[in-house]
């Protein structure tokens, strides 16, 4: 089953797949002080090395045909805003479906991550994707990434557990939302 969402949209953006030609547009995110750490990148990599890792992983996911990040394009200006997607992950030994999002710095604090996360959550539950993953969705977030924690909370998620991964030295947290909670949110 594919979780790629090219052609879907939010109120202000449309989704498309990442292209190799997007590299220079995406590189500035890794020039921000904490981005690599917040994305679980190996410490000590340059911005270019981090971007290389990101692109390698993105295209590997596409080749697998199951999940991946989608580029967010501003509907009015056609600008590249960031990336968001439903990602098949292993979190604390369980196969989970993750709502992931990363926004370019000049679009921070404008609500694009919240908008994308809500749309991804709704699509996952509406299409029944969660049923293969224990009837819930997660977001794995660095403990110091306050912006992403706020997005997860806005998305109806709550703290589930610490994220355990021996390859990562920083502390990450698993936020989650169940189908039942989502249904309550949708009913208002």
Protein backbone atom coordinates (compact mmCIF):
# COMPACT_ATOMS: atom_id res chain seq x y z
CA UNK A 1 0.00 0.00 0.00
CA UNK A 2 1.32 3.43 -0.89
CA UNK A 3 1.12 6.34 1.51
CA UNK A 4 2.48 8.90 -0.95
CA UNK A 5 0.08 11.80 -1.32
CA UNK A 6 1.08 13.59 -4.53
CA UNK A 7 -1.93 15.48 -5.83
CA UNK A 8 -3.50 15.95 -2.37
CA UNK A 9 -3.72 19.40 -0.85
CA UNK A 10 -4.30 21.52 2.23
CA UNK A 11 -6.04 24.89 2.32
CA UNK A 12 -2.86 26.74 1.23
CA UNK A 13 -0.62 24.08 -0.34
CA UNK A 14 -0.52 21.13 -2.70
CA UNK A 15 1.62 18.00 -2.35
CA UNK A 16 3.97 16.58 -4.94
CA UNK A 17 6.89 14.17 -4.83
CA UNK A 18 10.42 15.39 -4.13
CA UNK A 19 12.62 15.82 -7.22
CA UNK A 20 16.41 15.75 -7.44
CA UNK A 21 16.23 19.34 -8.70
CA UNK A 22 14.79 20.41 -5.32
CA UNK A 23 18.15 19.92 -3.60
CA UNK A 24 19.30 23.58 -3.55
CA UNK A 25 15.86 24.72 -2.38
CA UNK A 26 15.88 22.21 0.51
CA UNK A 27 19.51 22.73 1.57
CA UNK A 28 18.85 25.91 3.67
CA UNK A 29 16.86 23.94 6.25
CA UNK A 30 20.07 22.17 7.26
CA UNK A 31 21.88 25.48 7.75
CA UNK A 32 19.67 26.16 10.79
CA UNK A 33 21.38 25.42 14.08
CA UNK A 34 19.22 22.57 15.43
CA UNK A 35 17.65 21.09 12.30
CA UNK A 36 20.00 18.12 11.94
CA UNK A 37 19.70 17.27 15.62
CA UNK A 38 15.91 17.60 15.54
CA UNK A 39 15.76 15.29 12.51
CA UNK A 40 17.92 12.64 14.16
CA UNK A 41 20.90 13.19 11.88
CA UNK A 42 24.31 11.92 12.87
CA UNK A 43 26.21 14.64 14.77
CA UNK A 44 29.03 16.45 12.98
CA UNK A 45 27.64 16.36 9.43
CA UNK A 46 27.78 19.51 7.31
CA UNK A 47 24.56 21.03 5.95
CA UNK A 48 25.33 19.50 2.55
CA UNK A 49 25.98 16.05 4.05
CA UNK A 50 22.70 16.24 5.96
CA UNK A 51 20.84 17.21 2.80
CA UNK A 52 22.53 14.30 0.98
CA UNK A 53 21.31 11.90 3.69
CA UNK A 54 17.80 13.36 3.49
CA UNK A 55 17.61 12.97 -0.31
CA UNK A 56 19.08 9.47 -0.21
CA UNK A 57 16.48 8.38 2.34
CA UNK A 58 13.62 10.12 0.51
CA UNK A 59 14.37 8.40 -2.78
CA UNK A 60 14.95 5.05 -1.04
CA UNK A 61 11.45 5.35 0.46
CA UNK A 62 10.00 6.24 -2.94
CA UNK A 63 11.71 3.22 -4.52
CA UNK A 64 10.21 0.97 -1.83
CA UNK A 65 6.86 2.40 -2.87
CA UNK A 66 5.34 2.53 0.57
CA UNK A 67 5.86 5.90 2.21
CA UNK A 68 7.72 9.16 2.04
CA UNK A 69 7.71 12.88 2.41
CA UNK A 70 5.79 15.01 -0.06
CA UNK A 71 6.87 18.49 -1.08
CA UNK A 72 4.45 21.22 -0.07
CA UNK A 73 3.94 23.89 -2.74
CA UNK A 74 2.20 27.18 -1.91
CA UNK A 75 -1.01 27.39 -3.95
CA UNK A 76 -0.79 31.16 -4.49
CA UNK A 77 2.95 31.68 -5.04
CA UNK A 78 4.16 28.21 -6.18
CA UNK A 79 6.93 28.45 -3.57
CA UNK A 80 8.45 25.33 -2.00
CA UNK A 81 7.24 25.51 1.64
CA UNK A 82 8.54 22.28 3.10
CA UNK A 83 7.87 18.58 3.20
CA UNK A 84 5.24 16.49 4.95
CA UNK A 85 4.18 12.90 4.71
CA UNK A 86 2.99 9.65 6.17
CA UNK A 87 6.02 7.52 6.99
CA UNK A 88 6.16 3.84 7.85
CA UNK A 89 8.44 3.73 10.90
CA UNK A 90 9.46 1.38 13.65
CA UNK A 91 8.95 3.10 16.98
CA UNK A 92 9.87 1.22 20.14
CA UNK A 93 9.75 -2.11 18.34
CA UNK A 94 6.34 -1.56 16.73
CA UNK A 95 5.59 -0.80 13.08
CA UNK A 96 3.79 2.57 13.14
CA UNK A 97 2.52 5.16 10.70
CA UNK A 98 4.07 8.56 11.41
CA UNK A 99 2.84 12.02 10.52
CA UNK A 100 6.06 13.83 9.59
CA UNK A 101 6.68 17.48 8.66
CA UNK A 102 9.60 19.82 8.06
CA UNK A 103 9.16 23.41 6.95
CA UNK A 104 11.73 25.77 5.41
CA UNK A 105 12.80 28.50 7.86
CA UNK A 106 11.17 31.45 6.08
CA UNK A 107 7.79 29.68 6.42
CA UNK A 108 8.12 28.88 10.14
CA UNK A 109 5.39 30.09 12.50
CA UNK A 110 2.86 30.57 9.70
CA UNK A 111 0.76 27.47 10.42
CA UNK A 112 1.91 25.38 7.45
CA UNK A 113 3.11 22.45 9.59
CA UNK A 114 -0.17 22.42 11.55
CA UNK A 115 -2.17 22.54 8.34
CA UNK A 116 -0.21 19.69 6.77
CA UNK A 117 -0.24 17.55 9.93
CA UNK A 118 -4.02 17.82 10.30
CA UNK A 119 -4.52 16.95 6.61
CA UNK A 120 -2.18 13.93 6.86
CA UNK A 121 -3.89 12.74 10.05
CA UNK A 122 -7.32 13.02 8.44
CA UNK A 123 -6.24 11.26 5.26
CA UNK A 124 -4.68 8.40 7.24
CA UNK A 125 -7.77 7.81 9.34
CA UNK A 126 -10.26 8.38 6.48
CA UNK A 127 -8.45 5.86 4.27
CA UNK A 128 -8.01 3.36 7.08
CA UNK A 129 -4.22 3.37 6.88
CA UNK A 130 -3.97 3.22 10.66
CA UNK A 131 -5.53 -0.26 10.85
CA UNK A 132 -2.26 -1.82 9.72
CA UNK A 133 -0.45 0.04 12.50
CA UNK A 134 -2.37 -0.56 15.71
CA UNK A 135 -5.22 1.92 15.12
CA UNK A 136 -3.16 5.02 15.87
CA UNK A 137 -0.78 7.51 14.30
CA UNK A 138 2.45 8.87 15.77
CA UNK A 139 4.90 11.73 15.43
CA UNK A 140 8.44 11.14 16.72
CA UNK A 141 9.86 14.45 17.93
CA UNK A 142 13.11 15.64 19.51
CA UNK A 143 12.41 16.68 23.11
CA UNK A 144 13.67 20.23 22.47
CA UNK A 145 11.72 20.80 19.25
CA UNK A 146 8.99 22.89 20.86
CA UNK A 147 7.52 23.95 17.51
CA UNK A 148 6.93 20.36 16.40
CA UNK A 149 5.57 19.41 19.82
CA UNK A 150 3.03 22.23 19.48
CA UNK A 151 2.07 20.91 16.04
CA UNK A 152 1.55 17.39 17.45
CA UNK A 153 -0.59 18.74 20.29
CA UNK A 154 -2.62 20.82 17.81
CA UNK A 155 -3.07 17.60 15.82
CA UNK A 156 -4.78 16.00 18.84
CA UNK A 157 -1.76 13.94 19.82
CA UNK A 158 -0.52 13.37 23.34
CA UNK A 159 2.76 12.10 24.73
CA UNK A 160 2.86 8.32 24.52
CA UNK A 161 6.43 7.40 25.47
CA UNK A 162 10.12 8.08 25.10
CA UNK A 163 11.45 6.93 21.74
CA UNK A 164 14.02 4.18 22.20
CA UNK A 165 16.68 3.81 19.49
CA UNK A 166 20.24 2.85 20.34
CA UNK A 167 21.60 4.66 17.26
CA UNK A 168 20.31 8.06 18.41
CA UNK A 169 22.01 9.83 21.29
CA UNK A 170 19.48 12.66 21.75
CA UNK A 171 16.13 12.17 23.48
CA UNK A 172 13.10 11.83 21.22
CA UNK A 173 9.46 11.46 22.22
CA UNK A 174 6.57 9.56 20.65
CA UNK A 175 3.33 11.54 20.40
CA UNK A 176 0.22 9.66 19.24
CA UNK A 177 -3.46 9.88 18.48
CA UNK A 178 -5.92 6.99 18.33
CA UNK A 179 -8.74 6.60 15.84
CA UNK A 180 -11.22 6.99 18.71
CA UNK A 181 -9.77 10.36 19.72
CA UNK A 182 -9.71 11.48 16.08
CA UNK A 183 -13.39 10.56 15.72
CA UNK A 184 -14.18 12.66 18.82
CA UNK A 185 -12.26 15.61 17.34
CA UNK A 186 -14.09 15.32 14.02
CA UNK A 187 -17.48 15.28 15.78
CA UNK A 188 -16.49 18.55 17.47
